[in-house]
Amino acid sequence: MMPLTMAKVGEANSIKKVGGKEETRQFLETLGFVPGTYVTLITEISGNVIVNIKESRVAINRDMAVKIIV
């Protein structure tokens, strides 16, 4: 298990856990970041990431990406 920020570009990973405050977890859940869902890292720029999740591309900042464990 590792934070999403350490995943390799183009590699599909299953989300194991979403950490952080309740407010942050709920926000990420509305974007589709729930345990069991597959997420693919598209690109990483200065720690911020763009991912493909549930047929959508989503950009999240580094602070949120480190809370997503794959």
N, C-alpha and C. Protein backbone atom coordinates (compact mmCIF):
# COMPACT_ATOMS: atom_id res chain seq x y z
N MET A 1 0.85 -1.18 0.00
CA MET A 1 0.00 0.00 0.00
C MET A 1 0.89 1.24 0.00
N MET A 2 0.42 2.25 -0.76
CA MET A 2 1.18 3.50 -0.88
C MET A 2 0.22 4.64 -1.20
N PRO A 3 0.64 5.88 -0.96
CA PRO A 3 -0.22 7.00 -1.35
C PRO A 3 -0.29 7.12 -2.86
N LEU A 4 -1.36 7.68 -3.35
CA LEU A 4 -1.58 7.86 -4.79
C LEU A 4 -0.43 8.63 -5.44
N THR A 5 0.21 9.52 -4.71
CA THR A 5 1.30 10.33 -5.26
C THR A 5 2.51 9.47 -5.65
N MET A 6 2.62 8.25 -5.13
CA MET A 6 3.75 7.38 -5.44
C MET A 6 3.44 6.38 -6.55
N ALA A 7 2.22 6.39 -7.07
CA ALA A 7 1.85 5.46 -8.14
C ALA A 7 2.55 5.85 -9.44
N LYS A 8 2.70 4.87 -10.32
CA LYS A 8 3.34 5.11 -11.61
C LYS A 8 2.31 5.59 -12.62
N VAL A 9 2.74 6.49 -13.50
CA VAL A 9 1.87 7.02 -14.55
C VAL A 9 1.42 5.87 -15.45
N GLY A 10 0.12 5.82 -15.74
CA GLY A 10 -0.44 4.81 -16.62
C GLY A 10 -0.80 3.51 -15.95
N GLU A 11 -0.50 3.37 -14.68
CA GLU A 11 -0.77 2.14 -13.94
C GLU A 11 -2.11 2.23 -13.21
N ALA A 12 -2.96 1.23 -13.39
CA ALA A 12 -4.24 1.19 -12.70
C ALA A 12 -4.04 0.60 -11.31
N ASN A 13 -4.54 1.29 -10.30
CA ASN A 13 -4.43 0.84 -8.91
C ASN A 13 -5.80 0.85 -8.26
N SER A 14 -6.01 -0.11 -7.38
CA SER A 14 -7.26 -0.17 -6.62
C SER A 14 -7.12 0.68 -5.36
N ILE A 15 -8.12 1.47 -5.07
CA ILE A 15 -8.11 2.29 -3.85
C ILE A 15 -8.37 1.39 -2.65
N LYS A 16 -7.48 1.43 -1.69
CA LYS A 16 -7.61 0.61 -0.48
C LYS A 16 -8.27 1.38 0.65
N LYS A 17 -7.94 2.68 0.76
CA LYS A 17 -8.42 3.47 1.89
C LYS A 17 -8.32 4.95 1.54
N VAL A 18 -9.25 5.73 2.08
CA VAL A 18 -9.20 7.19 1.94
C VAL A 18 -9.15 7.76 3.34
N GLY A 19 -8.07 8.47 3.65
CA GLY A 19 -7.87 9.02 4.99
C GLY A 19 -8.22 10.50 5.04
N GLY A 20 -7.83 11.13 6.14
CA GLY A 20 -8.07 12.56 6.31
C GLY A 20 -9.29 12.85 7.15
N LYS A 21 -9.61 14.14 7.24
CA LYS A 21 -10.78 14.57 8.00
C LYS A 21 -12.05 14.11 7.29
N GLU A 22 -13.13 14.03 8.05
CA GLU A 22 -14.42 13.58 7.51
C GLU A 22 -14.84 14.42 6.30
N GLU A 23 -14.65 15.72 6.39
CA GLU A 23 -15.01 16.63 5.30
C GLU A 23 -14.23 16.30 4.02
N THR A 24 -12.95 16.03 4.16
CA THR A 24 -12.11 15.69 3.01
C THR A 24 -12.52 14.35 2.43
N ARG A 25 -12.77 13.36 3.28
CA ARG A 25 -13.19 12.04 2.80
C ARG A 25 -14.50 12.12 2.03
N GLN A 26 -15.44 12.90 2.53
CA GLN A 26 -16.73 13.03 1.85
C GLN A 26 -16.56 13.71 0.50
N PHE A 27 -15.70 14.74 0.43
CA PHE A 27 -15.45 15.42 -0.83
C PHE A 27 -14.85 14.46 -1.86
N LEU A 28 -13.85 13.69 -1.43
CA LEU A 28 -13.21 12.73 -2.34
C LEU A 28 -14.19 11.63 -2.76
N GLU A 29 -15.07 11.25 -1.85
CA GLU A 29 -16.07 10.23 -2.16
C GLU A 29 -17.02 10.71 -3.25
N THR A 30 -17.39 11.99 -3.21
CA THR A 30 -18.28 12.53 -4.24
C THR A 30 -17.61 12.56 -5.61
N LEU A 31 -16.26 12.61 -5.61
CA LEU A 31 -15.52 12.57 -6.87
C LEU A 31 -15.31 11.14 -7.37
N GLY A 32 -15.66 10.16 -6.54
CA GLY A 32 -15.55 8.75 -6.93
C GLY A 32 -14.42 8.00 -6.26
N PHE A 33 -13.69 8.64 -5.35
CA PHE A 33 -12.57 7.99 -4.66
C PHE A 33 -13.10 7.18 -3.48
N VAL A 34 -13.54 5.96 -3.76
CA VAL A 34 -14.05 5.07 -2.72
C VAL A 34 -13.26 3.76 -2.77
N PRO A 35 -13.06 3.10 -1.63
CA PRO A 35 -12.31 1.84 -1.63
C PRO A 35 -12.90 0.83 -2.61
N GLY A 36 -11.99 0.15 -3.33
CA GLY A 36 -12.40 -0.85 -4.32
C GLY A 36 -12.45 -0.31 -5.74
N THR A 37 -12.46 0.99 -5.90
CA THR A 37 -12.50 1.61 -7.22
C THR A 37 -11.09 1.67 -7.80
N TYR A 38 -10.98 1.47 -9.11
CA TYR A 38 -9.67 1.57 -9.76
C TYR A 38 -9.42 2.99 -10.24
N VAL A 39 -8.19 3.45 -10.04
CA VAL A 39 -7.78 4.79 -10.42
C VAL A 39 -6.47 4.68 -11.19
N THR A 40 -6.36 5.44 -12.29
CA THR A 40 -5.15 5.44 -13.11
C THR A 40 -4.54 6.82 -13.10
N LEU A 41 -3.27 6.92 -12.75
CA LEU A 41 -2.57 8.19 -12.73
C LEU A 41 -2.24 8.59 -14.17
N ILE A 42 -2.72 9.77 -14.57
CA ILE A 42 -2.47 10.27 -15.92
C ILE A 42 -1.18 11.09 -15.95
N THR A 43 -1.06 12.04 -15.04
CA THR A 43 0.14 12.87 -14.97
C THR A 43 0.30 13.45 -13.58
N GLU A 44 1.52 13.86 -13.27
CA GLU A 44 1.81 14.49 -11.99
C GLU A 44 2.62 15.75 -12.26
N ILE A 45 2.15 16.87 -11.74
CA ILE A 45 2.83 18.16 -11.93
C ILE A 45 3.01 18.80 -10.56
N SER A 46 4.24 18.92 -10.12
CA SER A 46 4.58 19.51 -8.81
C SER A 46 3.82 18.85 -7.65
N GLY A 47 3.61 17.56 -7.75
CA GLY A 47 2.91 16.84 -6.68
C GLY A 47 1.41 16.77 -6.88
N ASN A 48 0.85 17.70 -7.66
CA ASN A 48 -0.57 17.65 -7.97
C ASN A 48 -0.78 16.59 -9.06
N VAL A 49 -1.92 15.91 -9.02
CA VAL A 49 -2.11 14.80 -9.95
C VAL A 49 -3.41 14.93 -10.74
N ILE A 50 -3.37 14.35 -11.94
CA ILE A 50 -4.57 14.19 -12.75
C ILE A 50 -4.75 12.69 -12.89
N VAL A 51 -5.94 12.23 -12.54
CA VAL A 51 -6.21 10.79 -12.57
C VAL A 51 -7.44 10.49 -13.40
N ASN A 52 -7.53 9.25 -13.84
CA ASN A 52 -8.71 8.77 -14.54
C ASN A 52 -9.44 7.86 -13.57
N ILE A 53 -10.66 8.23 -13.23
CA ILE A 53 -11.46 7.43 -12.29
C ILE A 53 -12.90 7.40 -12.78
N LYS A 54 -13.45 6.20 -12.88
CA LYS A 54 -14.83 6.02 -13.34
C LYS A 54 -15.10 6.78 -14.63
N GLU A 55 -14.25 6.59 -15.63
CA GLU A 55 -14.41 7.19 -16.95
C GLU A 55 -14.34 8.71 -16.96
N SER A 56 -13.80 9.31 -15.91
CA SER A 56 -13.65 10.77 -15.84
C SER A 56 -12.22 11.12 -15.46
N ARG A 57 -11.78 12.29 -15.89
CA ARG A 57 -10.47 12.79 -15.46
C ARG A 57 -10.70 13.81 -14.35
N VAL A 58 -9.94 13.64 -13.27
CA VAL A 58 -10.08 14.50 -12.11
C VAL A 58 -8.70 14.99 -11.69
N ALA A 59 -8.59 16.29 -11.40
CA ALA A 59 -7.34 16.85 -10.90
C ALA A 59 -7.50 17.11 -9.40
N ILE A 60 -6.53 16.65 -8.62
CA ILE A 60 -6.54 16.90 -7.19
C ILE A 60 -5.15 17.35 -6.75
N ASN A 61 -5.14 18.13 -5.68
CA ASN A 61 -3.84 18.63 -5.20
C ASN A 61 -3.11 17.56 -4.39
N ARG A 62 -1.85 17.83 -4.12
CA ARG A 62 -0.99 16.88 -3.43
C ARG A 62 -1.52 16.52 -2.05
N ASP A 63 -2.05 17.50 -1.31
CA ASP A 63 -2.56 17.24 0.03
C ASP A 63 -3.66 16.19 0.03
N MET A 64 -4.52 16.22 -0.98
CA MET A 64 -5.60 15.23 -1.06
C MET A 64 -5.08 13.91 -1.60
N ALA A 65 -4.16 13.98 -2.55
CA ALA A 65 -3.64 12.75 -3.17
C ALA A 65 -2.91 11.86 -2.17
N VAL A 66 -2.23 12.46 -1.19
CA VAL A 66 -1.51 11.63 -0.21
C VAL A 66 -2.47 10.93 0.76
N LYS A 67 -3.70 11.36 0.82
CA LYS A 67 -4.69 10.74 1.71
C LYS A 67 -5.35 9.52 1.05
N ILE A 68 -5.13 9.36 -0.26
CA ILE A 68 -5.70 8.24 -1.00
C ILE A 68 -4.66 7.12 -1.06
N ILE A 69 -4.96 6.01 -0.41
CA ILE A 69 -4.03 4.89 -0.33
C ILE A 69 -4.43 3.83 -1.37
N VAL A 70 -3.47 3.45 -2.21
CA VAL A 70 -3.73 2.45 -3.25
C VAL A 70 -2.89 1.21 -3.00
